[in-house]
Amino acid sequence: MTRSNTRIALALTGVLATLLTTGMPLQSAFGEGGARRDVVRQEQQNVKDALMHATETVEHGKQGHVEKLVTHAEASLQHAMKGGIDPHAAEAMTNLKAAIEHGKAGHADVATKHAETAVTHLSQIK
């Protein structure tokens, strides 16, 4: 090879190496965006499900159906725990736990009040 061909080959190799080293890290950074978006969607769906079950908890509590109240409160709590980190989610979980406790003790009226508070907090999660 002549000197000019060697220089061209070295320059092209340098350009190729530069492109590969700068392009590779970007691929993984952009690839993670889709996974995070899926996690956010799943958290939002869990909050919606928790809200739905908490609303059912209130309805059954108002009707005096203690067993169904406890069942829906437990389901709501499970979904709320998967709903991500939010101060309102933490308050909702505290109230759902209290609703479960009082529901198991047969105190439908007190359990219903806690469930209503949980609904309020779950409704405020964005």
N, C-alpha and C. Protein backbone atom coordinates (compact mmCIF):
# COMPACT_ATOMS: atom_id res chain seq x y z
N MET A 1 0.82 -1.18 0.00
CA MET A 1 0.00 0.00 0.00
C MET A 1 0.87 1.25 0.00
N THR A 2 0.36 2.27 -0.65
CA THR A 2 1.12 3.51 -0.68
C THR A 2 0.83 4.29 0.58
N ARG A 3 1.64 5.30 0.75
CA ARG A 3 1.47 6.13 1.94
C ARG A 3 0.12 6.82 1.98
N SER A 4 -0.38 7.32 0.90
CA SER A 4 -1.67 8.02 0.90
C SER A 4 -2.81 7.04 1.17
N ASN A 5 -2.71 5.83 0.64
CA ASN A 5 -3.74 4.83 0.92
C ASN A 5 -3.73 4.44 2.39
N THR A 6 -2.57 4.35 2.98
CA THR A 6 -2.45 4.00 4.39
C THR A 6 -3.08 5.09 5.25
N ARG A 7 -2.82 6.34 4.89
CA ARG A 7 -3.39 7.46 5.64
C ARG A 7 -4.92 7.46 5.53
N ILE A 8 -5.43 7.21 4.34
CA ILE A 8 -6.88 7.17 4.14
C ILE A 8 -7.48 6.03 4.96
N ALA A 9 -6.83 4.87 4.93
CA ALA A 9 -7.32 3.72 5.68
C ALA A 9 -7.32 4.01 7.18
N LEU A 10 -6.28 4.66 7.69
CA LEU A 10 -6.21 5.02 9.10
C LEU A 10 -7.29 6.05 9.45
N ALA A 11 -7.50 7.00 8.58
CA ALA A 11 -8.53 8.02 8.84
C ALA A 11 -9.92 7.39 8.87
N LEU A 12 -10.19 6.52 7.92
CA LEU A 12 -11.49 5.83 7.90
C LEU A 12 -11.67 4.92 9.11
N THR A 13 -10.62 4.26 9.52
CA THR A 13 -10.68 3.42 10.72
C THR A 13 -10.96 4.28 11.94
N GLY A 14 -10.35 5.44 12.04
CA GLY A 14 -10.60 6.36 13.15
C GLY A 14 -12.03 6.85 13.18
N VAL A 15 -12.56 7.19 11.99
CA VAL A 15 -13.95 7.64 11.89
C VAL A 15 -14.90 6.52 12.31
N LEU A 16 -14.63 5.33 11.84
CA LEU A 16 -15.46 4.17 12.19
C LEU A 16 -15.43 3.91 13.69
N ALA A 17 -14.26 3.95 14.28
CA ALA A 17 -14.12 3.73 15.72
C ALA A 17 -14.86 4.81 16.51
N THR A 18 -14.77 6.05 16.05
CA THR A 18 -15.46 7.15 16.72
C THR A 18 -16.98 6.97 16.65
N LEU A 19 -17.47 6.60 15.49
CA LEU A 19 -18.91 6.37 15.34
C LEU A 19 -19.41 5.23 16.22
N LEU A 20 -18.65 4.16 16.28
CA LEU A 20 -19.06 3.01 17.08
C LEU A 20 -19.05 3.33 18.58
N THR A 21 -18.04 4.04 19.03
CA THR A 21 -17.95 4.32 20.47
C THR A 21 -18.96 5.37 20.92
N THR A 22 -19.33 6.29 20.05
CA THR A 22 -20.31 7.30 20.46
C THR A 22 -21.74 6.81 20.25
N GLY A 23 -21.96 5.94 19.30
CA GLY A 23 -23.31 5.46 19.00
C GLY A 23 -23.78 4.36 19.92
N MET A 24 -22.91 3.53 20.41
CA MET A 24 -23.31 2.38 21.22
C MET A 24 -23.95 2.78 22.55
N PRO A 25 -23.39 3.69 23.32
CA PRO A 25 -24.04 4.05 24.59
C PRO A 25 -25.42 4.68 24.38
N LEU A 26 -25.63 5.37 23.28
CA LEU A 26 -26.91 6.01 23.04
C LEU A 26 -28.02 4.98 22.83
N GLN A 27 -27.70 3.86 22.24
CA GLN A 27 -28.71 2.85 21.99
C GLN A 27 -29.32 2.35 23.28
N SER A 28 -28.53 2.06 24.29
CA SER A 28 -29.08 1.55 25.54
C SER A 28 -29.86 2.63 26.28
N ALA A 29 -29.44 3.89 26.18
CA ALA A 29 -30.16 4.97 26.85
C ALA A 29 -31.54 5.15 26.26
N PHE A 30 -31.64 5.10 24.94
CA PHE A 30 -32.94 5.26 24.30
C PHE A 30 -33.80 4.02 24.47
N GLY A 31 -33.18 2.87 24.58
CA GLY A 31 -33.92 1.62 24.74
C GLY A 31 -34.64 1.54 26.08
N GLU A 32 -34.09 2.16 27.12
CA GLU A 32 -34.68 2.10 28.46
C GLU A 32 -35.92 2.96 28.58
N GLY A 33 -36.10 3.94 27.72
CA GLY A 33 -37.24 4.83 27.80
C GLY A 33 -38.55 4.09 27.65
N GLY A 34 -38.59 3.13 26.76
CA GLY A 34 -39.81 2.35 26.55
C GLY A 34 -40.15 1.51 27.76
N ALA A 35 -39.15 0.94 28.40
CA ALA A 35 -39.39 0.11 29.59
C ALA A 35 -39.93 0.97 30.72
N ARG A 36 -39.40 2.15 30.92
CA ARG A 36 -39.86 3.04 31.99
C ARG A 36 -41.29 3.48 31.73
N ARG A 37 -41.60 3.75 30.48
CA ARG A 37 -42.96 4.16 30.13
C ARG A 37 -43.95 3.05 30.47
N ASP A 38 -43.56 1.79 30.22
CA ASP A 38 -44.42 0.66 30.56
C ASP A 38 -44.62 0.55 32.06
N VAL A 39 -43.59 0.83 32.83
CA VAL A 39 -43.70 0.78 34.29
C VAL A 39 -44.65 1.85 34.78
N VAL A 40 -44.55 3.04 34.22
CA VAL A 40 -45.43 4.15 34.62
C VAL A 40 -46.88 3.80 34.29
N ARG A 41 -47.10 3.24 33.11
CA ARG A 41 -48.47 2.85 32.73
C ARG A 41 -49.02 1.79 33.68
N GLN A 42 -48.18 0.83 34.05
CA GLN A 42 -48.63 -0.22 34.96
C GLN A 42 -48.95 0.36 36.33
N GLU A 43 -48.14 1.29 36.80
CA GLU A 43 -48.40 1.94 38.09
C GLU A 43 -49.73 2.70 38.03
N GLN A 44 -49.98 3.40 36.92
CA GLN A 44 -51.23 4.15 36.77
C GLN A 44 -52.43 3.20 36.75
N GLN A 45 -52.27 2.05 36.09
CA GLN A 45 -53.36 1.08 36.06
C GLN A 45 -53.61 0.51 37.45
N ASN A 46 -52.55 0.28 38.21
CA ASN A 46 -52.71 -0.23 39.58
C ASN A 46 -53.44 0.78 40.45
N VAL A 47 -53.15 2.07 40.27
CA VAL A 47 -53.85 3.10 41.03
C VAL A 47 -55.33 3.11 40.66
N LYS A 48 -55.63 2.98 39.36
CA LYS A 48 -57.04 2.94 38.94
C LYS A 48 -57.76 1.73 39.54
N ASP A 49 -57.09 0.59 39.52
CA ASP A 49 -57.69 -0.62 40.10
C ASP A 49 -57.87 -0.47 41.60
N ALA A 50 -56.89 0.14 42.27
CA ALA A 50 -57.00 0.36 43.72
C ALA A 50 -58.18 1.28 44.02
N LEU A 51 -58.35 2.32 43.20
CA LEU A 51 -59.46 3.25 43.38
C LEU A 51 -60.80 2.55 43.17
N MET A 52 -60.87 1.71 42.14
CA MET A 52 -62.11 0.99 41.86
C MET A 52 -62.48 0.08 43.04
N HIS A 53 -61.51 -0.67 43.56
CA HIS A 53 -61.78 -1.56 44.69
C HIS A 53 -62.10 -0.78 45.96
N ALA A 54 -61.44 0.35 46.15
CA ALA A 54 -61.72 1.17 47.33
C ALA A 54 -63.14 1.72 47.26
N THR A 55 -63.58 2.11 46.07
CA THR A 55 -64.95 2.59 45.89
C THR A 55 -65.94 1.46 46.18
N GLU A 56 -65.63 0.26 45.72
CA GLU A 56 -66.47 -0.90 46.04
C GLU A 56 -66.49 -1.16 47.54
N THR A 57 -65.36 -0.95 48.19
CA THR A 57 -65.28 -1.11 49.64
C THR A 57 -66.27 -0.18 50.32
N VAL A 58 -66.30 1.07 49.90
CA VAL A 58 -67.22 2.06 50.48
C VAL A 58 -68.67 1.63 50.25
N GLU A 59 -68.98 1.23 49.03
CA GLU A 59 -70.35 0.83 48.71
C GLU A 59 -70.81 -0.35 49.57
N HIS A 60 -69.96 -1.34 49.71
CA HIS A 60 -70.33 -2.50 50.53
C HIS A 60 -70.40 -2.13 52.01
N GLY A 61 -69.53 -1.22 52.42
CA GLY A 61 -69.57 -0.77 53.81
C GLY A 61 -70.87 -0.05 54.14
N LYS A 62 -71.33 0.76 53.21
CA LYS A 62 -72.60 1.48 53.42
C LYS A 62 -73.79 0.52 53.48
N GLN A 63 -73.66 -0.61 52.80
CA GLN A 63 -74.73 -1.61 52.81
C GLN A 63 -74.58 -2.59 53.97
N GLY A 64 -73.49 -2.50 54.71
CA GLY A 64 -73.27 -3.38 55.86
C GLY A 64 -72.71 -4.74 55.50
N HIS A 65 -72.20 -4.90 54.29
CA HIS A 65 -71.60 -6.17 53.84
C HIS A 65 -70.14 -6.21 54.26
N VAL A 66 -69.90 -6.66 55.46
CA VAL A 66 -68.55 -6.60 56.03
C VAL A 66 -67.58 -7.51 55.28
N GLU A 67 -68.00 -8.70 54.92
CA GLU A 67 -67.09 -9.63 54.25
C GLU A 67 -66.63 -9.08 52.91
N LYS A 68 -67.55 -8.54 52.13
CA LYS A 68 -67.18 -7.97 50.83
C LYS A 68 -66.36 -6.70 51.01
N LEU A 69 -66.66 -5.95 52.06
CA LEU A 69 -65.87 -4.77 52.38
C LEU A 69 -64.41 -5.16 52.57
N VAL A 70 -64.17 -6.17 53.36
CA VAL A 70 -62.80 -6.62 53.64
C VAL A 70 -62.14 -7.14 52.36
N THR A 71 -62.88 -7.91 51.56
CA THR A 71 -62.34 -8.46 50.32
C THR A 71 -61.88 -7.35 49.38
N HIS A 72 -62.73 -6.35 49.18
CA HIS A 72 -62.37 -5.26 48.27
C HIS A 72 -61.28 -4.37 48.86
N ALA A 73 -61.29 -4.18 50.17
CA ALA A 73 -60.23 -3.38 50.80
C ALA A 73 -58.87 -4.07 50.64
N GLU A 74 -58.85 -5.38 50.78
CA GLU A 74 -57.59 -6.11 50.60
C GLU A 74 -57.12 -6.04 49.15
N ALA A 75 -58.05 -6.17 48.21
CA ALA A 75 -57.68 -6.06 46.79
C ALA A 75 -57.16 -4.65 46.48
N SER A 76 -57.83 -3.65 47.03
CA SER A 76 -57.40 -2.27 46.81
C SER A 76 -56.00 -2.04 47.38
N LEU A 77 -55.76 -2.59 48.56
CA LEU A 77 -54.45 -2.45 49.19
C LEU A 77 -53.36 -3.08 48.33
N GLN A 78 -53.62 -4.25 47.78
CA GLN A 78 -52.64 -4.92 46.92
C GLN A 78 -52.30 -4.07 45.70
N HIS A 79 -53.32 -3.50 45.08
CA HIS A 79 -53.07 -2.64 43.91
C HIS A 79 -52.38 -1.35 44.31
N ALA A 80 -52.76 -0.79 45.43
CA ALA A 80 -52.14 0.46 45.88
C ALA A 80 -50.65 0.26 46.17
N MET A 81 -50.31 -0.91 46.70
CA MET A 81 -48.90 -1.18 47.00
C MET A 81 -48.06 -1.26 45.72
N LYS A 82 -48.68 -1.58 44.60
CA LYS A 82 -47.97 -1.66 43.32
C LYS A 82 -48.08 -0.35 42.54
N GLY A 83 -48.73 0.65 43.12
CA GLY A 83 -49.01 1.88 42.40
C GLY A 83 -47.91 2.91 42.40
N GLY A 84 -46.76 2.58 42.91
CA GLY A 84 -45.66 3.54 42.91
C GLY A 84 -45.57 4.29 44.23
N ILE A 85 -44.61 5.19 44.27
CA ILE A 85 -44.34 5.95 45.50
C ILE A 85 -45.01 7.31 45.38
N ASP A 86 -45.93 7.57 46.29
CA ASP A 86 -46.64 8.84 46.30
C ASP A 86 -47.16 9.03 47.73
N PRO A 87 -47.11 10.26 48.26
CA PRO A 87 -47.62 10.48 49.62
C PRO A 87 -49.10 10.11 49.76
N HIS A 88 -49.88 10.34 48.70
CA HIS A 88 -51.30 9.99 48.76
C HIS A 88 -51.48 8.48 48.77
N ALA A 89 -50.63 7.76 48.06
CA ALA A 89 -50.70 6.30 48.05
C ALA A 89 -50.39 5.76 49.44
N ALA A 90 -49.41 6.37 50.11
CA ALA A 90 -49.06 5.92 51.46
C ALA A 90 -50.23 6.15 52.43
N GLU A 91 -50.88 7.29 52.33
CA GLU A 91 -52.04 7.58 53.18
C GLU A 91 -53.19 6.64 52.87
N ALA A 92 -53.39 6.37 51.58
CA ALA A 92 -54.46 5.45 51.18
C ALA A 92 -54.20 4.06 51.75
N MET A 93 -52.95 3.61 51.68
CA MET A 93 -52.62 2.28 52.21
C MET A 93 -52.85 2.22 53.72
N THR A 94 -52.50 3.27 54.43
CA THR A 94 -52.72 3.32 55.87
C THR A 94 -54.22 3.20 56.17
N ASN A 95 -55.03 3.93 55.43
CA ASN A 95 -56.47 3.89 55.65
C ASN A 95 -57.08 2.57 55.22
N LEU A 96 -56.56 1.97 54.17
CA LEU A 96 -57.07 0.67 53.74
C LEU A 96 -56.74 -0.41 54.78
N LYS A 97 -55.56 -0.33 55.36
CA LYS A 97 -55.20 -1.28 56.42
C LYS A 97 -56.14 -1.13 57.62
N ALA A 98 -56.45 0.12 57.96
CA ALA A 98 -57.38 0.36 59.06
C ALA A 98 -58.78 -0.14 58.71
N ALA A 99 -59.18 0.04 57.46
CA ALA A 99 -60.49 -0.45 57.03
C ALA A 99 -60.56 -1.97 57.13
N ILE A 100 -59.49 -2.63 56.76
CA ILE A 100 -59.44 -4.09 56.85
C ILE A 100 -59.54 -4.53 58.30
N GLU A 101 -58.76 -3.88 59.16
CA GLU A 101 -58.79 -4.20 60.60
C GLU A 101 -60.18 -4.06 61.18
N HIS A 102 -60.80 -2.91 60.94
CA HIS A 102 -62.13 -2.66 61.50
C HIS A 102 -63.19 -3.54 60.84
N GLY A 103 -63.01 -3.83 59.55
CA GLY A 103 -63.94 -4.71 58.88
C GLY A 103 -63.91 -6.11 59.46
N LYS A 104 -62.71 -6.61 59.74
CA LYS A 104 -62.58 -7.94 60.33
C LYS A 104 -63.14 -7.98 61.75
N ALA A 105 -63.13 -6.82 62.41
CA ALA A 105 -63.69 -6.74 63.76
C ALA A 105 -65.21 -6.53 63.72
N GLY A 106 -65.76 -6.36 62.50
CA GLY A 106 -67.20 -6.19 62.37
C GLY A 106 -67.68 -4.75 62.47
N HIS A 107 -66.78 -3.80 62.46
CA HIS A 107 -67.12 -2.38 62.56
C HIS A 107 -67.26 -1.78 61.16
N ALA A 108 -68.36 -2.06 60.50
CA ALA A 108 -68.54 -1.62 59.12
C ALA A 108 -68.53 -0.10 58.98
N ASP A 109 -69.11 0.61 59.96
CA ASP A 109 -69.18 2.07 59.86
C ASP A 109 -67.80 2.71 59.92
N VAL A 110 -66.96 2.26 60.84
CA VAL A 110 -65.61 2.82 60.97
C VAL A 110 -64.77 2.42 59.76
N ALA A 111 -64.91 1.18 59.32
CA ALA A 111 -64.16 0.71 58.15
C ALA A 111 -64.54 1.52 56.91
N THR A 112 -65.83 1.85 56.81
CA THR A 112 -66.30 2.63 55.66
C THR A 112 -65.67 4.03 55.67
N LYS A 113 -65.56 4.64 56.83
CA LYS A 113 -64.94 5.98 56.92
C LYS A 113 -63.48 5.92 56.46
N HIS A 114 -62.77 4.88 56.89
CA HIS A 114 -61.37 4.74 56.46
C HIS A 114 -61.30 4.51 54.95
N ALA A 115 -62.22 3.72 54.42
CA ALA A 115 -62.24 3.45 52.98
C ALA A 115 -62.55 4.74 52.20
N GLU A 116 -63.44 5.57 52.72
CA GLU A 116 -63.75 6.84 52.07
C GLU A 116 -62.51 7.74 52.02
N THR A 117 -61.77 7.75 53.11
CA THR A 117 -60.53 8.54 53.14
C THR A 117 -59.53 7.99 52.12
N ALA A 118 -59.46 6.67 52.02
CA ALA A 118 -58.57 6.04 51.04
C ALA A 118 -58.96 6.42 49.62
N VAL A 119 -60.27 6.45 49.34
CA VAL A 119 -60.74 6.85 48.02
C VAL A 119 -60.31 8.29 47.73
N THR A 120 -60.44 9.16 48.71
CA THR A 120 -60.03 10.55 48.53
C THR A 120 -58.54 10.64 48.16
N HIS A 121 -57.70 9.91 48.86
CA HIS A 121 -56.28 9.96 48.59
C HIS A 121 -55.94 9.31 47.25
N LEU A 122 -56.56 8.19 46.93
CA LEU A 122 -56.28 7.54 45.65
C LEU A 122 -56.72 8.41 44.48
N SER A 123 -57.77 9.19 44.68
CA SER A 123 -58.26 10.08 43.63
C SER A 123 -57.28 11.22 43.35
N GLN A 124 -56.43 11.53 44.31
CA GLN A 124 -55.51 12.66 44.16
C GLN A 124 -54.15 12.26 43.59
N ILE A 125 -53.95 10.97 43.35
CA ILE A 125 -52.68 10.52 42.76
C ILE A 125 -52.70 10.84 41.27
N LYS A 126 -51.61 11.43 40.80
CA LYS A 126 -51.53 11.81 39.37
C LYS A 126 -50.72 10.84 38.59
